[in-house]
Amino acid sequence: MDPTRDNPILRFNTFWWALWTFLIFAVLLGAILIANRKPPTNLEDAAAVARYETKQRILKAQAAALSSAEIEAAIPTVAATLHASKPAAVETPAQVVPGSPTALQLAAATAAAPAAAAPNGAPASAGESPAVSPPVPAVTPETGGQDARPTPETGGQDARPTPPPPTGSPAQP
């Protein structure tokens, strides 16, 4: 640069030109971004619509159910009723321990049910269905079932010979 052209006024003027140019481009870019702004469309926003509808439906149902004053008024009555009541024993447990007397009784009742059926397979009474379905015949390789696996005796392709027993170990005399 020529030393005669280097003066503070030119540097000051260039600084402001650069600053204004930068600001003009920033304003233009901001205007373009604001004009092209679209709401985001992703899966989370689509799921949010359904969640907000469910939330509004639940809030309406809760508002219609009971007010907090009604709940507070009912607490003493319910508390007195609960305090006076005695718990009832469970008569039909959901779980049965194997080997317990209950499990043995259930097994005996299940074993006695086929004996109640007539010998020809009809139920004991005309309106009842049989307690146990008739047995299904087993599929064996001799009957040609699809579950039969080929063995060396049947000569199948996938039959693998058994390895020979080990011989000649060093511990043998």
N, C-alpha and C. Protein backbone atom coordinates (compact mmCIF):
# COMPACT_ATOMS: atom_id res chain seq x y z
N MET A 1 0.84 -1.17 0.00
CA MET A 1 0.00 0.00 0.00
C MET A 1 0.89 1.24 0.00
N ASP A 2 0.46 2.19 -0.71
CA ASP A 2 1.24 3.44 -0.84
C ASP A 2 1.12 4.24 0.45
N PRO A 3 2.24 4.66 1.07
CA PRO A 3 2.16 5.39 2.33
C PRO A 3 1.46 6.73 2.21
N THR A 4 1.35 7.28 1.04
CA THR A 4 0.67 8.57 0.91
C THR A 4 -0.84 8.40 0.96
N ARG A 5 -1.31 7.20 0.64
CA ARG A 5 -2.77 6.98 0.65
C ARG A 5 -3.24 6.47 2.01
N ASP A 6 -2.37 6.15 2.93
CA ASP A 6 -2.73 5.63 4.25
C ASP A 6 -3.02 6.79 5.18
N ASN A 7 -4.31 7.10 5.31
CA ASN A 7 -4.66 8.14 6.25
C ASN A 7 -5.84 7.66 7.11
N PRO A 8 -6.02 8.24 8.25
CA PRO A 8 -7.06 7.77 9.16
C PRO A 8 -8.47 7.94 8.61
N ILE A 9 -8.71 8.90 7.79
CA ILE A 9 -10.06 9.14 7.27
C ILE A 9 -10.47 7.99 6.35
N LEU A 10 -9.54 7.53 5.50
CA LEU A 10 -9.86 6.39 4.61
C LEU A 10 -10.10 5.12 5.43
N ARG A 11 -9.30 4.90 6.43
CA ARG A 11 -9.51 3.70 7.27
C ARG A 11 -10.84 3.78 8.00
N PHE A 12 -11.19 4.92 8.51
CA PHE A 12 -12.46 5.11 9.20
C PHE A 12 -13.62 4.87 8.26
N ASN A 13 -13.55 5.40 7.05
CA ASN A 13 -14.60 5.25 6.04
C ASN A 13 -14.74 3.77 5.65
N THR A 14 -13.65 3.07 5.46
CA THR A 14 -13.70 1.65 5.09
C THR A 14 -14.30 0.82 6.21
N PHE A 15 -14.00 1.12 7.43
CA PHE A 15 -14.56 0.40 8.56
C PHE A 15 -16.09 0.50 8.56
N TRP A 16 -16.62 1.71 8.37
CA TRP A 16 -18.07 1.88 8.38
C TRP A 16 -18.72 1.22 7.18
N TRP A 17 -18.10 1.27 6.00
CA TRP A 17 -18.64 0.57 4.83
C TRP A 17 -18.73 -0.94 5.11
N ALA A 18 -17.73 -1.51 5.69
CA ALA A 18 -17.73 -2.95 5.98
C ALA A 18 -18.79 -3.28 7.04
N LEU A 19 -18.91 -2.45 8.06
CA LEU A 19 -19.90 -2.69 9.09
C LEU A 19 -21.31 -2.63 8.53
N TRP A 20 -21.62 -1.58 7.74
CA TRP A 20 -22.96 -1.46 7.15
C TRP A 20 -23.25 -2.59 6.17
N THR A 21 -22.28 -3.01 5.41
CA THR A 21 -22.49 -4.11 4.47
C THR A 21 -22.82 -5.39 5.24
N PHE A 22 -22.09 -5.66 6.30
CA PHE A 22 -22.36 -6.82 7.12
C PHE A 22 -23.76 -6.77 7.72
N LEU A 23 -24.17 -5.62 8.24
CA LEU A 23 -25.49 -5.46 8.85
C LEU A 23 -26.60 -5.61 7.82
N ILE A 24 -26.40 -5.10 6.61
CA ILE A 24 -27.42 -5.23 5.57
C ILE A 24 -27.63 -6.70 5.22
N PHE A 25 -26.53 -7.45 5.07
CA PHE A 25 -26.67 -8.87 4.78
C PHE A 25 -27.31 -9.62 5.94
N ALA A 26 -27.03 -9.24 7.16
CA ALA A 26 -27.64 -9.89 8.32
C ALA A 26 -29.14 -9.63 8.37
N VAL A 27 -29.54 -8.39 8.08
CA VAL A 27 -30.96 -8.06 8.07
C VAL A 27 -31.68 -8.80 6.95
N LEU A 28 -31.07 -8.86 5.76
CA LEU A 28 -31.69 -9.60 4.65
C LEU A 28 -31.83 -11.09 4.99
N LEU A 29 -30.81 -11.67 5.56
CA LEU A 29 -30.87 -13.07 5.92
C LEU A 29 -31.94 -13.32 6.99
N GLY A 30 -32.03 -12.44 7.96
CA GLY A 30 -33.08 -12.56 8.99
C GLY A 30 -34.47 -12.46 8.39
N ALA A 31 -34.67 -11.53 7.44
CA ALA A 31 -35.98 -11.39 6.80
C ALA A 31 -36.34 -12.64 6.01
N ILE A 32 -35.37 -13.21 5.32
CA ILE A 32 -35.63 -14.43 4.55
C ILE A 32 -35.98 -15.59 5.48
N LEU A 33 -35.25 -15.72 6.59
CA LEU A 33 -35.54 -16.80 7.53
C LEU A 33 -36.92 -16.65 8.16
N ILE A 34 -37.30 -15.43 8.49
CA ILE A 34 -38.62 -15.20 9.09
C ILE A 34 -39.73 -15.48 8.07
N ALA A 35 -39.51 -15.09 6.82
CA ALA A 35 -40.54 -15.29 5.79
C ALA A 35 -40.71 -16.77 5.45
N ASN A 36 -39.66 -17.54 5.51
CA ASN A 36 -39.74 -18.96 5.14
C ASN A 36 -39.92 -19.87 6.34
N ARG A 37 -40.26 -19.33 7.45
CA ARG A 37 -40.42 -20.15 8.66
C ARG A 37 -41.67 -21.01 8.55
N LYS A 38 -41.50 -22.32 8.74
CA LYS A 38 -42.62 -23.26 8.72
C LYS A 38 -42.63 -24.01 10.04
N PRO A 39 -43.80 -24.41 10.48
CA PRO A 39 -43.83 -25.18 11.73
C PRO A 39 -43.16 -26.54 11.50
N PRO A 40 -42.43 -27.03 12.48
CA PRO A 40 -41.75 -28.32 12.29
C PRO A 40 -42.77 -29.45 12.19
N THR A 41 -42.51 -30.36 11.32
CA THR A 41 -43.38 -31.52 11.16
C THR A 41 -42.52 -32.77 11.34
N ASN A 42 -42.56 -33.32 12.53
CA ASN A 42 -41.87 -34.57 12.79
C ASN A 42 -42.82 -35.49 13.54
N LEU A 43 -42.40 -36.68 13.83
CA LEU A 43 -43.26 -37.66 14.48
C LEU A 43 -43.65 -37.24 15.90
N GLU A 44 -42.76 -36.58 16.58
CA GLU A 44 -43.06 -36.15 17.94
C GLU A 44 -44.22 -35.15 17.96
N ASP A 45 -44.23 -34.22 17.00
CA ASP A 45 -45.32 -33.24 16.93
C ASP A 45 -46.64 -33.92 16.58
N ALA A 46 -46.60 -34.91 15.70
CA ALA A 46 -47.82 -35.62 15.34
C ALA A 46 -48.36 -36.40 16.54
N ALA A 47 -47.48 -36.99 17.33
CA ALA A 47 -47.91 -37.72 18.52
C ALA A 47 -48.40 -36.77 19.60
N ALA A 48 -47.86 -35.57 19.63
CA ALA A 48 -48.25 -34.60 20.65
C ALA A 48 -49.71 -34.18 20.48
N VAL A 49 -50.19 -34.12 19.26
CA VAL A 49 -51.59 -33.75 19.03
C VAL A 49 -52.51 -34.73 19.72
N ALA A 50 -52.25 -36.02 19.54
CA ALA A 50 -53.08 -37.04 20.18
C ALA A 50 -52.95 -36.99 21.70
N ARG A 51 -51.75 -36.72 22.21
CA ARG A 51 -51.57 -36.64 23.67
C ARG A 51 -52.34 -35.45 24.25
N TYR A 52 -52.31 -34.32 23.57
CA TYR A 52 -53.03 -33.15 24.08
C TYR A 52 -54.54 -33.39 24.05
N GLU A 53 -55.04 -34.07 23.03
CA GLU A 53 -56.47 -34.38 23.00
C GLU A 53 -56.85 -35.31 24.15
N THR A 54 -56.01 -36.31 24.41
CA THR A 54 -56.27 -37.23 25.51
C THR A 54 -56.21 -36.50 26.84
N LYS A 55 -55.26 -35.60 26.99
CA LYS A 55 -55.13 -34.85 28.23
C LYS A 55 -56.38 -34.00 28.47
N GLN A 56 -56.87 -33.32 27.43
CA GLN A 56 -58.07 -32.50 27.58
C GLN A 56 -59.28 -33.35 27.94
N ARG A 57 -59.40 -34.52 27.32
CA ARG A 57 -60.53 -35.41 27.61
C ARG A 57 -60.47 -35.88 29.05
N ILE A 58 -59.28 -36.21 29.54
CA ILE A 58 -59.12 -36.68 30.92
C ILE A 58 -59.41 -35.55 31.91
N LEU A 59 -58.93 -34.35 31.62
CA LEU A 59 -59.19 -33.22 32.51
C LEU A 59 -60.68 -32.91 32.60
N LYS A 60 -61.38 -33.01 31.46
CA LYS A 60 -62.83 -32.78 31.49
C LYS A 60 -63.54 -33.85 32.31
N ALA A 61 -63.13 -35.11 32.16
CA ALA A 61 -63.75 -36.19 32.92
C ALA A 61 -63.47 -36.06 34.41
N GLN A 62 -62.26 -35.64 34.75
CA GLN A 62 -61.93 -35.46 36.17
C GLN A 62 -62.70 -34.29 36.77
N ALA A 63 -62.87 -33.24 36.00
CA ALA A 63 -63.61 -32.08 36.51
C ALA A 63 -65.09 -32.43 36.72
N ALA A 64 -65.62 -33.31 35.86
CA ALA A 64 -67.03 -33.68 35.98
C ALA A 64 -67.25 -34.73 37.06
N ALA A 65 -66.23 -35.47 37.46
CA ALA A 65 -66.41 -36.57 38.40
C ALA A 65 -66.73 -36.07 39.81
N LEU A 66 -65.80 -35.57 40.52
CA LEU A 66 -66.00 -35.09 41.89
C LEU A 66 -65.15 -33.85 42.12
N SER A 67 -65.68 -32.96 42.89
CA SER A 67 -64.87 -31.80 43.26
C SER A 67 -64.06 -32.15 44.50
N SER A 68 -63.06 -31.35 44.77
CA SER A 68 -62.22 -31.63 45.94
C SER A 68 -63.01 -31.46 47.24
N ALA A 69 -64.00 -30.58 47.25
CA ALA A 69 -64.83 -30.42 48.46
C ALA A 69 -65.66 -31.67 48.72
N GLU A 70 -66.21 -32.28 47.68
CA GLU A 70 -66.99 -33.52 47.85
C GLU A 70 -66.10 -34.65 48.34
N ILE A 71 -64.87 -34.71 47.84
CA ILE A 71 -63.95 -35.75 48.28
C ILE A 71 -63.60 -35.57 49.75
N GLU A 72 -63.32 -34.32 50.15
CA GLU A 72 -63.00 -34.04 51.55
C GLU A 72 -64.18 -34.37 52.46
N ALA A 73 -65.41 -34.16 52.00
CA ALA A 73 -66.59 -34.45 52.80
C ALA A 73 -66.81 -35.96 52.94
N ALA A 74 -66.40 -36.74 51.95
CA ALA A 74 -66.63 -38.18 51.98
C ALA A 74 -65.56 -38.94 52.76
N ILE A 75 -64.42 -38.34 53.01
CA ILE A 75 -63.32 -39.05 53.67
C ILE A 75 -63.70 -39.55 55.07
N PRO A 76 -64.32 -38.77 55.94
CA PRO A 76 -64.65 -39.32 57.28
C PRO A 76 -65.61 -40.51 57.21
N THR A 77 -66.58 -40.47 56.33
CA THR A 77 -67.55 -41.58 56.21
C THR A 77 -66.85 -42.85 55.74
N VAL A 78 -66.04 -42.72 54.72
CA VAL A 78 -65.34 -43.90 54.20
C VAL A 78 -64.33 -44.42 55.21
N ALA A 79 -63.66 -43.56 55.92
CA ALA A 79 -62.67 -43.98 56.92
C ALA A 79 -63.34 -44.77 58.04
N ALA A 80 -64.51 -44.32 58.49
CA ALA A 80 -65.22 -45.05 59.54
C ALA A 80 -65.68 -46.41 59.04
N THR A 81 -66.13 -46.48 57.81
CA THR A 81 -66.59 -47.74 57.23
C THR A 81 -65.41 -48.71 57.09
N LEU A 82 -64.27 -48.23 56.61
CA LEU A 82 -63.11 -49.09 56.44
C LEU A 82 -62.58 -49.58 57.78
N HIS A 83 -62.61 -48.71 58.78
CA HIS A 83 -62.11 -49.09 60.09
C HIS A 83 -62.98 -50.17 60.72
N ALA A 84 -64.29 -50.11 60.51
CA ALA A 84 -65.21 -51.07 61.11
C ALA A 84 -65.25 -52.39 60.35
N SER A 85 -64.89 -52.41 59.11
CA SER A 85 -64.99 -53.64 58.33
C SER A 85 -63.81 -54.56 58.64
N LYS A 86 -64.06 -55.87 58.45
CA LYS A 86 -63.01 -56.85 58.67
C LYS A 86 -62.65 -57.47 57.32
N PRO A 87 -61.40 -57.75 57.11
CA PRO A 87 -61.02 -58.34 55.82
C PRO A 87 -61.56 -59.76 55.69
N ALA A 88 -61.97 -60.11 54.48
CA ALA A 88 -62.49 -61.44 54.22
C ALA A 88 -61.37 -62.33 53.69
N ALA A 89 -61.44 -63.59 54.02
CA ALA A 89 -60.42 -64.53 53.55
C ALA A 89 -60.62 -64.79 52.06
N VAL A 90 -59.53 -65.04 51.37
CA VAL A 90 -59.59 -65.35 49.96
C VAL A 90 -59.97 -66.81 49.82
N GLU A 91 -61.04 -67.08 49.07
CA GLU A 91 -61.52 -68.46 48.95
C GLU A 91 -60.96 -69.16 47.73
N THR A 92 -60.62 -68.42 46.70
CA THR A 92 -60.09 -69.05 45.49
C THR A 92 -58.76 -68.41 45.16
N PRO A 93 -57.67 -68.98 45.67
CA PRO A 93 -56.38 -68.37 45.37
C PRO A 93 -56.02 -68.55 43.91
N ALA A 94 -55.28 -67.60 43.38
CA ALA A 94 -54.90 -67.65 41.97
C ALA A 94 -53.72 -68.58 41.74
N GLN A 95 -52.91 -68.81 42.76
CA GLN A 95 -51.73 -69.66 42.61
C GLN A 95 -51.89 -70.91 43.46
N VAL A 96 -51.43 -72.01 42.91
CA VAL A 96 -51.46 -73.28 43.62
C VAL A 96 -50.04 -73.79 43.68
N VAL A 97 -49.58 -74.13 44.87
CA VAL A 97 -48.22 -74.63 45.06
C VAL A 97 -48.21 -76.11 44.70
N PRO A 98 -47.31 -76.54 43.82
CA PRO A 98 -47.25 -77.97 43.48
C PRO A 98 -46.95 -78.81 44.72
N GLY A 99 -47.67 -79.92 44.84
CA GLY A 99 -47.48 -80.82 45.96
C GLY A 99 -48.31 -80.47 47.17
N SER A 100 -49.02 -79.33 47.17
CA SER A 100 -49.85 -78.95 48.30
C SER A 100 -51.16 -79.74 48.25
N PRO A 101 -51.90 -79.78 49.35
CA PRO A 101 -53.19 -80.50 49.34
C PRO A 101 -54.15 -79.96 48.27
N THR A 102 -54.14 -78.67 48.04
CA THR A 102 -55.00 -78.09 47.01
C THR A 102 -54.61 -78.60 45.63
N ALA A 103 -53.30 -78.66 45.35
CA ALA A 103 -52.85 -79.15 44.05
C ALA A 103 -53.21 -80.61 43.88
N LEU A 104 -53.09 -81.41 44.94
CA LEU A 104 -53.46 -82.83 44.85
C LEU A 104 -54.96 -83.00 44.62
N GLN A 105 -55.79 -82.18 45.27
CA GLN A 105 -57.24 -82.24 45.06
C GLN A 105 -57.59 -81.87 43.62
N LEU A 106 -56.95 -80.82 43.07
CA LEU A 106 -57.21 -80.44 41.69
C LEU A 106 -56.79 -81.54 40.71
N ALA A 107 -55.66 -82.20 40.99
CA ALA A 107 -55.20 -83.28 40.12
C ALA A 107 -56.16 -84.45 40.18
N ALA A 108 -56.67 -84.76 41.37
CA ALA A 108 -57.62 -85.86 41.50
C ALA A 108 -58.94 -85.54 40.79
N ALA A 109 -59.37 -84.29 40.87
CA ALA A 109 -60.61 -83.90 40.20
C ALA A 109 -60.45 -83.96 38.69
N THR A 110 -59.28 -83.61 38.19
CA THR A 110 -59.03 -83.66 36.75
C THR A 110 -58.95 -85.11 36.29
N ALA A 111 -58.36 -85.99 37.08
CA ALA A 111 -58.25 -87.40 36.72
C ALA A 111 -59.61 -88.08 36.77
N ALA A 112 -60.51 -87.65 37.64
CA ALA A 112 -61.83 -88.26 37.77
C ALA A 112 -62.77 -87.80 36.66
N ALA A 113 -62.48 -86.70 36.02
CA ALA A 113 -63.38 -86.16 34.99
C ALA A 113 -63.49 -87.09 33.79
N PRO A 114 -62.43 -87.72 33.24
CA PRO A 114 -62.61 -88.62 32.10
C PRO A 114 -63.40 -89.87 32.46
N ALA A 115 -63.34 -90.30 33.71
CA ALA A 115 -64.10 -91.48 34.11
C ALA A 115 -65.59 -91.20 34.07
N ALA A 116 -66.00 -89.97 34.19
CA ALA A 116 -67.42 -89.62 34.16
C ALA A 116 -67.99 -89.71 32.75
N ALA A 117 -67.15 -89.71 31.73
CA ALA A 117 -67.64 -89.78 30.35
C ALA A 117 -68.03 -91.21 30.02
N ALA A 118 -68.96 -91.35 29.07
CA ALA A 118 -69.42 -92.68 28.65
C ALA A 118 -68.32 -93.36 27.85
N PRO A 119 -68.33 -94.69 27.74
CA PRO A 119 -67.27 -95.40 27.04
C PRO A 119 -67.19 -95.06 25.56
N ASN A 120 -68.28 -94.69 24.92
CA ASN A 120 -68.22 -94.38 23.49
C ASN A 120 -67.73 -92.96 23.20
N GLY A 121 -67.32 -92.22 24.21
CA GLY A 121 -66.78 -90.89 24.02
C GLY A 121 -67.82 -89.80 24.18
N ALA A 122 -69.08 -90.14 24.34
CA ALA A 122 -70.13 -89.14 24.53
C ALA A 122 -70.07 -88.64 25.96
N PRO A 123 -70.53 -87.40 26.22
CA PRO A 123 -70.52 -86.90 27.59
C PRO A 123 -71.49 -87.69 28.47
N ALA A 124 -71.28 -87.59 29.79
CA ALA A 124 -72.12 -88.31 30.73
C ALA A 124 -73.57 -87.88 30.61
N SER A 125 -73.84 -86.59 30.43
CA SER A 125 -75.21 -86.12 30.22
C SER A 125 -75.29 -85.48 28.84
N ALA A 126 -76.46 -85.40 28.29
CA ALA A 126 -76.64 -84.96 26.91
C ALA A 126 -76.26 -83.49 26.71
N GLY A 127 -76.44 -82.63 27.69
CA GLY A 127 -76.20 -81.21 27.51
C GLY A 127 -74.79 -80.76 27.81
N GLU A 128 -73.94 -81.64 28.32
CA GLU A 128 -72.59 -81.23 28.71
C GLU A 128 -71.58 -81.63 27.65
N SER A 129 -70.48 -80.88 27.61
CA SER A 129 -69.39 -81.25 26.72
C SER A 129 -68.40 -82.09 27.50
N PRO A 130 -67.60 -82.92 26.83
CA PRO A 130 -66.65 -83.74 27.58
C PRO A 130 -65.60 -82.87 28.26
N ALA A 131 -65.15 -83.30 29.43
CA ALA A 131 -64.18 -82.53 30.21
C ALA A 131 -62.80 -82.58 29.57
N VAL A 132 -62.46 -83.69 28.93
CA VAL A 132 -61.14 -83.87 28.34
C VAL A 132 -61.31 -84.25 26.88
N SER A 133 -60.54 -83.63 26.01
CA SER A 133 -60.63 -83.97 24.59
C SER A 133 -59.98 -85.32 24.35
N PRO A 134 -60.35 -86.03 23.28
CA PRO A 134 -59.76 -87.34 23.02
C PRO A 134 -58.28 -87.19 22.72
N PRO A 135 -57.48 -88.20 23.04
CA PRO A 135 -56.05 -88.09 22.82
C PRO A 135 -55.70 -88.04 21.35
N VAL A 136 -54.61 -87.35 21.04
CA VAL A 136 -54.13 -87.23 19.67
C VAL A 136 -53.07 -88.31 19.46
N PRO A 137 -53.15 -89.08 18.35
CA PRO A 137 -52.15 -90.12 18.16
C PRO A 137 -50.77 -89.51 17.95
N ALA A 138 -49.76 -90.16 18.48
CA ALA A 138 -48.39 -89.68 18.36
C ALA A 138 -47.86 -89.94 16.97
N VAL A 139 -46.99 -89.07 16.50
CA VAL A 139 -46.37 -89.23 15.19
C VAL A 139 -44.99 -89.83 15.41
N THR A 140 -44.75 -90.94 14.82
CA THR A 140 -43.46 -91.61 14.95
C THR A 140 -42.83 -91.75 13.58
N PRO A 141 -41.53 -92.04 13.50
CA PRO A 141 -40.89 -92.21 12.19
C PRO A 141 -41.51 -93.35 11.38
N GLU A 142 -42.03 -94.36 12.06
CA GLU A 142 -42.62 -95.49 11.34
C GLU A 142 -43.91 -95.07 10.63
N THR A 143 -44.66 -94.11 11.21
CA THR A 143 -45.90 -93.68 10.58
C THR A 143 -45.68 -92.62 9.52
N GLY A 144 -44.44 -92.16 9.36
CA GLY A 144 -44.15 -91.21 8.29
C GLY A 144 -44.50 -89.78 8.62
N GLY A 145 -44.45 -89.41 9.88
CA GLY A 145 -44.78 -88.04 10.26
C GLY A 145 -43.70 -87.07 9.83
N GLN A 146 -44.05 -85.80 9.73
CA GLN A 146 -43.08 -84.80 9.30
C GLN A 146 -42.06 -84.49 10.38
N ASP A 147 -42.38 -84.80 11.64
CA ASP A 147 -41.44 -84.51 12.71
C ASP A 147 -40.34 -85.55 12.82
N ALA A 148 -40.44 -86.64 12.06
CA ALA A 148 -39.46 -87.71 12.17
C ALA A 148 -38.12 -87.24 11.64
N ARG A 149 -37.09 -87.42 12.43
CA ARG A 149 -35.75 -87.04 12.01
C ARG A 149 -35.04 -88.26 11.46
N PRO A 150 -34.26 -88.09 10.41
CA PRO A 150 -33.55 -89.23 9.87
C PRO A 150 -32.47 -89.71 10.84
N THR A 151 -32.35 -90.98 10.96
CA THR A 151 -31.35 -91.59 11.82
C THR A 151 -30.51 -92.54 10.98
N PRO A 152 -29.39 -93.01 11.48
CA PRO A 152 -28.60 -93.97 10.69
C PRO A 152 -29.38 -95.24 10.39
N GLU A 153 -30.30 -95.63 11.28
CA GLU A 153 -31.07 -96.85 11.05
C GLU A 153 -32.05 -96.69 9.90
N THR A 154 -32.64 -95.46 9.76
CA THR A 154 -33.60 -95.24 8.68
C THR A 154 -32.92 -94.83 7.39
N GLY A 155 -31.62 -94.56 7.41
CA GLY A 155 -30.89 -94.24 6.19
C GLY A 155 -31.12 -92.84 5.68
N GLY A 156 -31.38 -91.90 6.55
CA GLY A 156 -31.64 -90.54 6.12
C GLY A 156 -30.37 -89.81 5.71
N GLN A 157 -30.52 -88.74 4.93
CA GLN A 157 -29.36 -87.98 4.46
C GLN A 157 -28.65 -87.27 5.59
N ASP A 158 -29.40 -86.71 6.51
CA ASP A 158 -28.79 -85.92 7.57
C ASP A 158 -28.27 -86.76 8.72
N ALA A 159 -28.36 -88.07 8.59
CA ALA A 159 -27.91 -88.92 9.67
C ALA A 159 -26.40 -88.85 9.77
N ARG A 160 -25.91 -88.57 10.94
CA ARG A 160 -24.47 -88.47 11.15
C ARG A 160 -24.02 -89.72 11.90
N PRO A 161 -22.94 -90.31 11.47
CA PRO A 161 -22.46 -91.50 12.21
C PRO A 161 -21.91 -91.07 13.56
N THR A 162 -22.02 -91.99 14.50
CA THR A 162 -21.49 -91.69 15.82
C THR A 162 -19.99 -91.89 15.78
N PRO A 163 -19.21 -91.08 16.49
CA PRO A 163 -17.76 -91.23 16.46
C PRO A 163 -17.34 -92.53 17.16
N PRO A 164 -16.26 -93.12 16.72
CA PRO A 164 -15.81 -94.37 17.37
C PRO A 164 -15.30 -94.06 18.77
N PRO A 165 -15.34 -95.04 19.63
CA PRO A 165 -14.84 -94.80 21.01
C PRO A 165 -13.34 -94.58 20.98
N PRO A 166 -12.81 -93.82 21.93
CA PRO A 166 -11.38 -93.54 21.95
C PRO A 166 -10.59 -94.82 22.24
N THR A 167 -9.48 -94.93 21.56
CA THR A 167 -8.65 -96.12 21.75
C THR A 167 -7.22 -95.68 22.06
N GLY A 168 -6.50 -96.57 22.70
CA GLY A 168 -5.08 -96.38 22.93
C GLY A 168 -4.73 -95.24 23.86
N SER A 169 -5.35 -95.15 24.99
CA SER A 169 -4.97 -94.10 25.92
C SER A 169 -3.69 -94.51 26.62
N PRO A 170 -2.86 -93.57 27.06
CA PRO A 170 -1.57 -93.91 27.68
C PRO A 170 -1.72 -94.63 29.00
N ALA A 171 -2.87 -94.57 29.66
CA ALA A 171 -3.05 -95.19 30.97
C ALA A 171 -3.36 -96.67 30.85
N GLN A 172 -3.63 -97.20 29.66
CA GLN A 172 -3.97 -98.61 29.51
C GLN A 172 -2.71 -99.45 29.60
N PRO A 173 -2.77 -100.67 30.18
CA PRO A 173 -1.59 -101.53 30.30
C PRO A 173 -1.25 -102.20 28.99
